[in-house]
Amino acid sequence: MDPLSATDRCVKCGLCLPHCPTFALTGNEADSPRGRISLMQLIAEPEPRWSPGLFLHLDRCLQCGACEAMCPSAVPFGQLMDAAQTAAEAHRERPLLGRLTRSAGLGIIRSPRWIRLMAPVVGAYQKMGLQSLLAKTPGLPATFKRLNRLLPEIQSGHTPAGCIPAQKRGRVYLFTGCLGNLFDRQTLAATQRLLTRLGYEVVIPGTQTCCGALHQHNGDPATAAELAQANHDAFGADNAPVLVTASGCAAHLLEYPSLYGQQPAGALAARVSDIVHFLVQQDISTLRFATPAEPLAVHIPCTHRNALRQEGDVLEILKWIPDHRAVFINPKGGCCGAAGSYMLSQPEMSDRLADQLIETILGSDAKTILTTNLGCSIQLKSGLKQRGEAIDVLHPVTLLDRLLIDTDP
């Protein structure tokens, strides 16, 4: 069956338009879900006409899932976008620098070995002040300057090894992903400590790899399938939960069955859970948390709202914190513009979306932002840093770990 045949489900009702962040920015029908469906139908023709405009409007899609979440016709827009990007990839004429950057980026994140090698290299680059120096150097390619700007600080320490609590309640596996091992070690360590306090043995397989989302969304489903199979093999065949701290990775892992059907990789999804969703189902009577001194701002990523559809879990987990003050910066939705590699490939659109949220953050008086997506965290940190604002951006689990009161004798 033609992978784009499901475009026929779209009745062009337009109910998705008010929910599309890119259509809200440009007002261009081609930047709306309905417009992109029409472009996909052109691609599905026997002799499609490839043009720069077609590529532009496809590439401007954030794949945020807002349209799919409310579509009355249940159009599988995310899967259609993946199929369109795969079909388009063979017809693109990228400049040499663009081809090299894309190949290097997708190649690095698929390799756990390269990720391990990158950590000390990027750490040294930052400690020597080269990141600040490069930011002031004129004449560098725009892609390099943007990558340098977005590059978050390498966190100290190592990805935690698994440990066994004194009173064992059960076993869980921790999915660390690719960039989490570089830029989100504090969340991984906080997750392990919290789970251990709850009585869980935390196992972290060393052979796990990238979830494959970036490859799937960038026209390389074959590599995404290889990564899915590698993760299936890494997490074994038992029934212990596989917990994920990045909502984007959790959403993609849960899509394995629709992508790979009855293949072994698809079976992994039945064990996958976002860490916040897992925690809200736990008995926390043995834990106590302090009250934060400053108000909190809560950002719900698109993946948590539209793909996982578990935004209420973040509200529930905040109830563990006594007397906290929190404001939601995107209660009605809205994308920060990170969207995986989008913040690199579509810098203008990405920054315009981020600026809207950052203005709300600055008006909230919050000193800590909570978000469950690593890409959103990187995007918001970069935008706040550019404005000289010292506001912390944390995963909710990291905040819980910081506020946890030690009740052991």
Protein backbone atom coordinates (compact mmCIF):
# COMPACT_ATOMS: atom_id res chain seq x y z
CA MET A 1 0.00 0.00 0.00
CA ASP A 2 1.20 3.51 -0.79
CA PRO A 3 2.40 4.95 2.54
CA LEU A 4 0.81 8.29 1.55
CA SER A 5 -2.60 6.78 0.79
CA ALA A 6 -3.91 7.81 4.22
CA THR A 7 -3.91 11.42 3.02
CA ASP A 8 -7.34 10.57 1.58
CA ARG A 9 -8.72 10.55 5.14
CA CYS A 10 -8.28 14.32 5.30
CA VAL A 11 -11.56 16.02 4.44
CA LYS A 12 -9.91 19.47 4.39
CA CYS A 13 -12.25 20.70 7.15
CA GLY A 14 -9.64 23.14 8.47
CA LEU A 15 -10.27 22.41 12.17
CA CYS A 16 -6.54 21.80 12.56
CA LEU A 17 -5.49 25.24 11.34
CA PRO A 18 -5.89 27.14 14.65
CA HIS A 19 -3.73 24.51 16.36
CA CYS A 20 -0.79 24.63 13.92
CA PRO A 21 2.13 26.76 15.21
CA THR A 22 3.67 27.34 11.78
CA PHE A 23 0.38 28.43 10.19
CA ALA A 24 -0.08 30.85 13.09
CA LEU A 25 3.31 32.40 12.29
CA THR A 26 3.09 32.67 8.50
CA GLY A 27 -0.64 32.62 7.69
CA ASN A 28 0.36 30.61 4.60
CA GLU A 29 -1.99 27.72 3.79
CA ALA A 30 1.02 25.67 2.62
CA ASP A 31 2.36 25.90 6.20
CA SER A 32 -0.81 24.35 7.60
CA PRO A 33 -1.60 20.64 8.05
CA ARG A 34 -4.25 20.86 5.35
CA GLY A 35 -1.78 22.49 2.97
CA ARG A 36 0.90 19.91 3.69
CA ILE A 37 -1.60 17.10 3.08
CA SER A 38 -2.17 18.61 -0.37
CA LEU A 39 1.59 18.64 -0.97
CA MET A 40 1.81 14.99 0.07
CA GLN A 41 -0.93 14.15 -2.43
CA LEU A 42 1.19 15.78 -5.12
CA ILE A 43 4.15 13.63 -4.04
CA ALA A 44 1.98 10.51 -4.37
CA GLU A 45 1.26 11.24 -8.04
CA PRO A 46 3.00 9.04 -10.66
CA GLU A 47 5.33 11.88 -11.70
CA PRO A 48 5.54 14.36 -8.81
CA ARG A 49 6.99 17.81 -9.41
CA TRP A 50 9.76 18.43 -6.90
CA SER A 51 10.45 22.07 -6.18
CA PRO A 52 12.22 24.21 -3.55
CA GLY A 53 8.82 25.45 -2.35
CA LEU A 54 7.56 21.92 -1.76
CA PHE A 55 10.65 21.07 0.31
CA LEU A 56 10.39 24.34 2.23
CA HIS A 57 6.81 23.85 3.38
CA LEU A 58 7.38 20.21 4.32
CA ASP A 59 10.53 21.11 6.25
CA ARG A 60 8.77 23.89 8.14
CA CYS A 61 6.51 21.32 9.79
CA LEU A 62 7.44 20.86 13.45
CA GLN A 63 5.76 17.45 13.61
CA CYS A 64 4.43 18.65 16.96
CA GLY A 65 1.31 16.48 16.69
CA ALA A 66 -1.14 19.26 17.57
CA CYS A 67 -3.16 18.70 14.40
CA GLU A 68 -3.23 14.92 14.78
CA ALA A 69 -4.33 15.15 18.40
CA MET A 70 -7.54 16.96 17.49
CA CYS A 71 -8.24 15.64 13.97
CA PRO A 72 -11.85 14.34 13.73
CA SER A 73 -10.87 12.08 10.81
CA ALA A 74 -7.96 10.46 12.67
CA VAL A 75 -5.47 11.35 9.93
CA PRO A 76 -2.08 9.82 10.94
CA PHE A 77 -0.28 13.06 10.14
CA GLY A 78 3.02 12.15 11.83
CA GLN A 79 3.40 8.93 9.87
CA LEU A 80 2.44 10.73 6.67
CA MET A 81 5.11 13.37 7.26
CA ASP A 82 7.71 10.65 7.80
CA ALA A 83 6.68 8.99 4.54
CA ALA A 84 6.78 12.31 2.69
CA GLN A 85 10.24 13.13 4.01
CA THR A 86 11.49 9.67 3.03
CA ALA A 87 10.13 10.10 -0.50
CA ALA A 88 11.56 13.62 -0.75
CA GLU A 89 15.04 12.77 0.52
CA ALA A 90 16.11 11.08 -2.73
CA HIS A 91 15.27 14.23 -4.70
CA ARG A 92 16.94 16.85 -2.54
CA GLU A 93 19.99 18.77 -3.74
CA ARG A 94 21.71 19.75 -0.53
CA PRO A 95 24.88 21.89 -0.55
CA LEU A 96 28.07 20.07 0.42
CA LEU A 97 28.20 21.61 3.90
CA GLY A 98 24.58 20.67 4.50
CA ARG A 99 25.18 17.07 3.44
CA LEU A 100 28.25 16.77 5.66
CA THR A 101 26.54 18.32 8.68
CA ARG A 102 23.48 16.11 8.32
CA SER A 103 25.53 12.95 7.83
CA ALA A 104 27.80 13.71 10.79
CA GLY A 105 24.94 14.57 13.14
CA LEU A 106 22.84 11.51 12.35
CA GLY A 107 25.96 9.33 12.38
CA ILE A 108 27.13 10.47 15.82
CA ILE A 109 23.83 10.03 17.63
CA ARG A 110 23.38 6.48 16.33
CA SER A 111 26.67 5.38 17.88
CA PRO A 112 27.03 4.97 21.67
CA ARG A 113 30.79 4.87 21.16
CA TRP A 114 30.82 8.25 19.42
CA ILE A 115 28.62 9.73 22.14
CA ARG A 116 31.08 8.56 24.80
CA LEU A 117 33.97 10.07 22.84
CA MET A 118 32.13 13.36 22.32
CA ALA A 119 31.61 14.04 26.04
CA PRO A 120 35.26 14.84 26.96
CA VAL A 121 35.85 16.62 23.66
CA VAL A 122 32.87 18.96 24.05
CA GLY A 123 33.68 19.42 27.75
CA ALA A 124 37.24 20.52 26.95
CA TYR A 125 35.97 22.80 24.16
CA GLN A 126 33.76 24.59 26.66
CA LYS A 127 36.25 24.72 29.54
CA MET A 128 38.91 26.26 27.29
CA GLY A 129 36.52 29.09 26.38
CA LEU A 130 36.36 28.13 22.72
CA GLN A 131 32.57 28.20 22.71
CA SER A 132 32.52 31.84 23.81
CA LEU A 133 35.32 32.71 21.40
CA LEU A 134 33.58 31.13 18.44
CA ALA A 135 30.39 33.02 19.24
CA LYS A 136 32.29 36.28 18.63
CA THR A 137 34.18 35.11 15.54
CA PRO A 138 32.91 36.70 12.29
CA GLY A 139 32.66 34.89 8.99
CA LEU A 140 31.81 31.42 10.26
CA PRO A 141 29.05 29.41 8.53
CA ALA A 142 25.65 30.16 10.01
CA THR A 143 25.01 26.49 10.80
CA PHE A 144 28.18 26.25 12.89
CA LYS A 145 27.42 29.47 14.74
CA ARG A 146 23.93 28.29 15.56
CA LEU A 147 25.11 24.87 16.70
CA ASN A 148 27.66 26.59 18.90
CA ARG A 149 24.96 28.83 20.39
CA LEU A 150 22.60 25.97 21.15
CA LEU A 151 25.31 23.70 22.56
CA PRO A 152 24.45 23.26 26.26
CA GLU A 153 27.03 22.82 28.96
CA ILE A 154 28.33 19.31 29.46
CA GLN A 155 27.21 18.30 32.93
CA SER A 156 29.81 16.90 35.29
CA GLY A 157 29.87 13.27 36.32
CA HIS A 158 28.99 10.14 34.42
CA THR A 159 25.81 8.40 33.43
CA PRO A 160 24.91 6.47 36.58
CA ALA A 161 25.41 2.75 36.83
CA GLY A 162 22.56 0.60 38.07
CA CYS A 163 22.23 -0.07 41.79
CA ILE A 164 20.13 -2.22 44.12
CA PRO A 165 18.18 -0.64 47.01
CA ALA A 166 18.24 -2.01 50.55
CA GLN A 167 14.59 -3.06 50.32
CA LYS A 168 13.83 -4.10 46.77
CA ARG A 169 10.33 -3.44 45.40
CA GLY A 170 11.11 -4.48 41.85
CA ARG A 171 13.36 -3.92 38.85
CA VAL A 172 13.18 -1.20 36.22
CA TYR A 173 15.35 -0.32 33.23
CA LEU A 174 16.45 3.25 32.50
CA PHE A 175 16.58 4.45 28.90
CA THR A 176 19.35 7.05 28.60
CA GLY A 177 19.04 7.77 24.88
CA CYS A 178 21.80 9.42 22.88
CA LEU A 179 22.06 13.11 23.79
CA GLY A 180 20.85 12.43 27.33
CA ASN A 181 24.25 10.89 28.01
CA LEU A 182 25.84 14.18 26.99
CA PHE A 183 23.51 16.94 28.10
CA ASP A 184 21.08 15.53 30.66
CA ARG A 185 23.14 13.52 33.12
CA GLN A 186 21.61 15.34 36.07
CA THR A 187 18.14 14.07 35.13
CA LEU A 188 19.40 10.51 34.68
CA ALA A 189 21.19 10.59 38.04
CA ALA A 190 18.19 12.17 39.80
CA THR A 191 15.88 9.54 38.30
CA GLN A 192 18.08 6.75 39.55
CA ARG A 193 18.27 8.18 43.07
CA LEU A 194 14.52 8.71 43.28
CA LEU A 195 13.70 5.24 41.99
CA THR A 196 16.20 3.70 44.40
CA ARG A 197 14.57 5.53 47.32
CA LEU A 198 11.26 4.06 46.17
CA GLY A 199 12.79 0.59 46.37
CA TYR A 200 13.52 -0.16 42.72
CA GLU A 201 16.62 -1.80 41.33
CA VAL A 202 17.66 0.37 38.38
CA VAL A 203 19.33 -1.39 35.45
CA ILE A 204 21.01 0.66 32.70
CA PRO A 205 22.00 -1.50 29.70
CA GLY A 206 25.26 -0.33 28.17
CA THR A 207 24.34 -1.49 24.68
CA GLN A 208 21.22 0.68 24.34
CA THR A 209 21.29 3.39 21.69
CA CYS A 210 19.33 6.29 20.17
CA CYS A 211 15.56 5.75 19.99
CA GLY A 212 15.67 6.50 16.24
CA ALA A 213 13.23 9.43 16.20
CA LEU A 214 15.57 11.85 14.44
CA HIS A 215 16.36 9.33 11.72
CA GLN A 216 12.69 8.42 11.29
CA HIS A 217 11.64 12.06 10.94
CA ASN A 218 14.54 12.97 8.63
CA GLY A 219 13.91 10.49 5.84
CA ASP A 220 16.04 7.57 7.08
CA PRO A 221 13.60 4.91 8.36
CA ALA A 222 16.04 2.07 7.63
CA THR A 223 18.52 3.35 10.23
CA ALA A 224 15.66 4.03 12.64
CA ALA A 225 14.62 0.38 12.32
CA GLU A 226 18.19 -0.77 13.03
CA LEU A 227 18.28 1.35 16.18
CA ALA A 228 14.91 -0.03 17.29
CA GLN A 229 16.18 -3.58 16.94
CA ALA A 230 19.35 -2.70 18.88
CA ASN A 231 17.24 -1.31 21.73
CA HIS A 232 15.04 -4.38 21.76
CA ASP A 233 18.14 -6.55 22.10
CA ALA A 234 19.65 -4.29 24.79
CA PHE A 235 16.63 -4.34 27.11
CA GLY A 236 16.16 -8.09 27.01
CA ALA A 237 13.00 -10.12 27.00
CA ASP A 238 11.73 -9.79 30.60
CA ASN A 239 8.70 -7.72 31.56
CA ALA A 240 10.39 -5.08 33.70
CA PRO A 241 9.38 -1.49 32.81
CA VAL A 242 11.65 0.60 30.59
CA LEU A 243 11.52 4.18 31.91
CA VAL A 244 12.33 7.18 29.76
CA THR A 245 13.15 10.68 31.01
CA ALA A 246 12.85 12.47 27.64
CA SER A 247 9.23 12.69 26.49
CA GLY A 248 10.26 12.81 22.82
CA CYS A 249 12.09 9.50 23.13
CA ALA A 250 9.21 7.98 25.09
CA ALA A 251 6.75 8.98 22.38
CA HIS A 252 8.88 7.41 19.64
CA LEU A 253 9.57 4.20 21.58
CA LEU A 254 5.83 3.80 22.08
CA GLU A 255 5.38 4.09 18.31
CA TYR A 256 7.56 1.05 17.62
CA PRO A 257 4.54 -1.27 17.08
CA SER A 258 2.99 1.01 14.43
CA LEU A 259 6.38 1.34 12.73
CA TYR A 260 7.63 -2.24 12.98
CA GLY A 261 4.48 -4.28 13.58
CA GLN A 262 5.06 -7.77 14.89
CA GLN A 263 8.82 -7.56 14.53
CA PRO A 264 10.73 -8.06 17.80
CA ALA A 265 11.41 -4.33 18.18
CA GLY A 266 7.70 -3.62 18.35
CA ALA A 267 7.34 -5.73 21.49
CA LEU A 268 9.55 -3.34 23.46
CA ALA A 269 6.86 -0.63 23.47
CA ALA A 270 4.63 -2.61 25.85
CA ARG A 271 7.23 -2.06 28.57
CA VAL A 272 7.96 1.61 27.90
CA SER A 273 6.73 4.38 30.18
CA ASP A 274 7.57 8.04 30.56
CA ILE A 275 9.20 8.49 33.98
CA VAL A 276 6.58 11.00 35.18
CA HIS A 277 3.74 8.67 34.19
CA PHE A 278 5.43 5.85 36.11
CA LEU A 279 6.07 7.93 39.22
CA VAL A 280 2.52 9.22 39.63
CA GLN A 281 1.37 5.61 40.00
CA GLN A 282 3.78 4.93 42.89
CA ASP A 283 3.21 4.96 46.64
CA ILE A 284 5.33 7.89 47.86
CA SER A 285 4.32 7.72 51.52
CA THR A 286 7.97 7.13 52.50
CA LEU A 287 9.18 10.30 50.76
CA ARG A 288 9.10 13.92 51.93
CA PHE A 289 9.86 17.02 49.89
CA ALA A 290 10.80 20.55 50.85
CA THR A 291 9.00 23.65 49.58
CA PRO A 292 10.88 25.52 46.82
CA ALA A 293 11.86 29.06 47.74
CA GLU A 294 11.00 30.51 44.33
CA PRO A 295 7.93 30.14 42.06
CA LEU A 296 8.06 27.55 39.28
CA ALA A 297 7.14 27.82 35.62
CA VAL A 298 5.88 24.65 33.93
CA HIS A 299 6.31 24.00 30.23
CA ILE A 300 4.40 21.07 28.70
CA PRO A 301 6.26 19.84 25.58
CA CYS A 302 4.34 18.94 22.44
CA THR A 303 5.43 15.32 22.81
CA HIS A 304 3.97 15.12 26.31
CA ARG A 305 0.74 16.88 25.36
CA ASN A 306 0.02 15.61 21.84
CA ALA A 307 1.88 12.30 21.50
CA LEU A 308 1.88 10.82 25.02
CA ARG A 309 -1.30 12.75 25.96
CA GLN A 310 -0.21 12.63 29.59
CA GLU A 311 0.10 16.32 30.43
CA GLY A 312 -1.96 15.77 33.58
CA ASP A 313 0.85 13.66 35.01
CA VAL A 314 3.03 16.73 35.41
CA LEU A 315 0.28 18.38 37.46
CA GLU A 316 -0.02 15.28 39.63
CA ILE A 317 3.67 15.00 40.35
CA LEU A 318 3.84 18.65 41.42
CA LYS A 319 1.29 17.84 44.13
CA TRP A 320 4.08 15.99 45.91
CA ILE A 321 5.76 19.35 46.57
CA PRO A 322 4.13 21.16 49.53
CA ASP A 323 3.07 24.80 49.20
CA HIS A 324 4.68 25.25 45.78
CA ARG A 325 3.77 28.09 43.47
CA ALA A 326 3.61 27.26 39.76
CA VAL A 327 2.49 29.00 36.58
CA PHE A 328 1.96 27.24 33.24
CA ILE A 329 3.61 29.06 30.37
CA ASN A 330 1.76 27.16 27.61
CA PRO A 331 -1.55 25.92 29.07
CA LYS A 332 -3.27 25.93 25.68
CA GLY A 333 -0.43 24.34 23.74
CA GLY A 334 2.13 25.97 21.52
CA CYS A 335 5.56 24.72 20.47
CA CYS A 336 8.91 26.08 21.68
CA GLY A 337 10.45 25.48 18.23
CA ALA A 338 12.97 22.83 19.28
CA ALA A 339 11.33 19.84 17.56
CA GLY A 340 14.40 17.62 17.31
CA SER A 341 16.67 18.89 14.54
CA TYR A 342 14.21 21.68 13.63
CA MET A 343 16.05 24.20 15.81
CA LEU A 344 19.07 23.73 13.53
CA SER A 345 17.37 23.31 10.17
CA GLN A 346 14.78 26.10 10.54
CA PRO A 347 16.47 28.74 12.70
CA GLU A 348 14.18 31.68 11.93
CA MET A 349 10.92 29.84 12.60
CA SER A 350 12.43 28.11 15.62
CA ASP A 351 13.53 31.38 17.22
CA ARG A 352 10.19 33.08 16.63
CA LEU A 353 8.40 30.26 18.42
CA ALA A 354 10.90 30.24 21.28
CA ASP A 355 10.69 34.02 21.74
CA GLN A 356 6.96 33.80 22.42
CA LEU A 357 7.46 31.37 25.29
CA ILE A 358 10.48 33.17 26.70
CA GLU A 359 8.48 36.40 26.94
CA THR A 360 5.89 34.51 29.01
CA ILE A 361 8.62 33.03 31.20
CA LEU A 362 10.16 36.42 31.90
CA GLY A 363 6.76 37.80 32.84
CA SER A 364 6.14 35.01 35.34
CA ASP A 365 8.91 35.89 37.86
CA ALA A 366 9.79 32.18 38.00
CA LYS A 367 13.40 31.21 38.65
CA THR A 368 13.00 27.56 37.62
CA ILE A 369 11.41 26.18 34.46
CA LEU A 370 10.22 22.57 34.40
CA THR A 371 10.03 20.66 31.12
CA THR A 372 10.08 16.95 30.28
CA ASN A 373 11.74 17.17 26.86
CA LEU A 374 15.50 17.48 26.40
CA GLY A 375 15.20 19.40 23.13
CA CYS A 376 12.83 21.92 24.73
CA SER A 377 15.26 22.29 27.62
CA ILE A 378 18.16 23.03 25.24
CA GLN A 379 16.02 25.52 23.29
CA LEU A 380 14.80 27.41 26.36
CA LYS A 381 18.24 27.48 28.00
CA SER A 382 19.76 28.96 24.86
CA GLY A 383 17.07 31.64 24.53
CA LEU A 384 17.33 32.64 28.18
CA LYS A 385 21.12 32.73 28.06
CA GLN A 386 21.02 35.03 25.04
CA ARG A 387 18.96 37.47 27.07
CA GLY A 388 21.33 37.23 30.04
CA GLU A 389 18.71 35.59 32.26
CA ALA A 390 19.88 33.22 35.01
CA ILE A 391 16.84 30.95 35.09
CA ASP A 392 17.26 27.22 35.68
CA VAL A 393 15.63 24.76 33.27
CA LEU A 394 15.06 21.35 34.85
CA HIS A 395 13.23 18.10 34.38
CA PRO A 396 10.54 17.71 37.12
CA VAL A 397 12.37 14.63 38.44
CA THR A 398 15.52 16.69 38.96
CA LEU A 399 13.56 19.21 41.01
CA LEU A 400 12.05 16.40 43.11
CA ASP A 401 15.52 15.01 43.74
CA ARG A 402 16.77 18.42 44.86
CA LEU A 403 13.81 18.90 47.21
CA LEU A 404 13.87 15.38 48.62
CA ILE A 405 14.33 15.41 52.39
CA ASP A 406 16.59 12.68 53.71
CA THR A 407 14.52 10.76 56.25
CA ASP A 408 16.99 7.92 56.74
CA PRO A 409 18.34 7.57 60.30
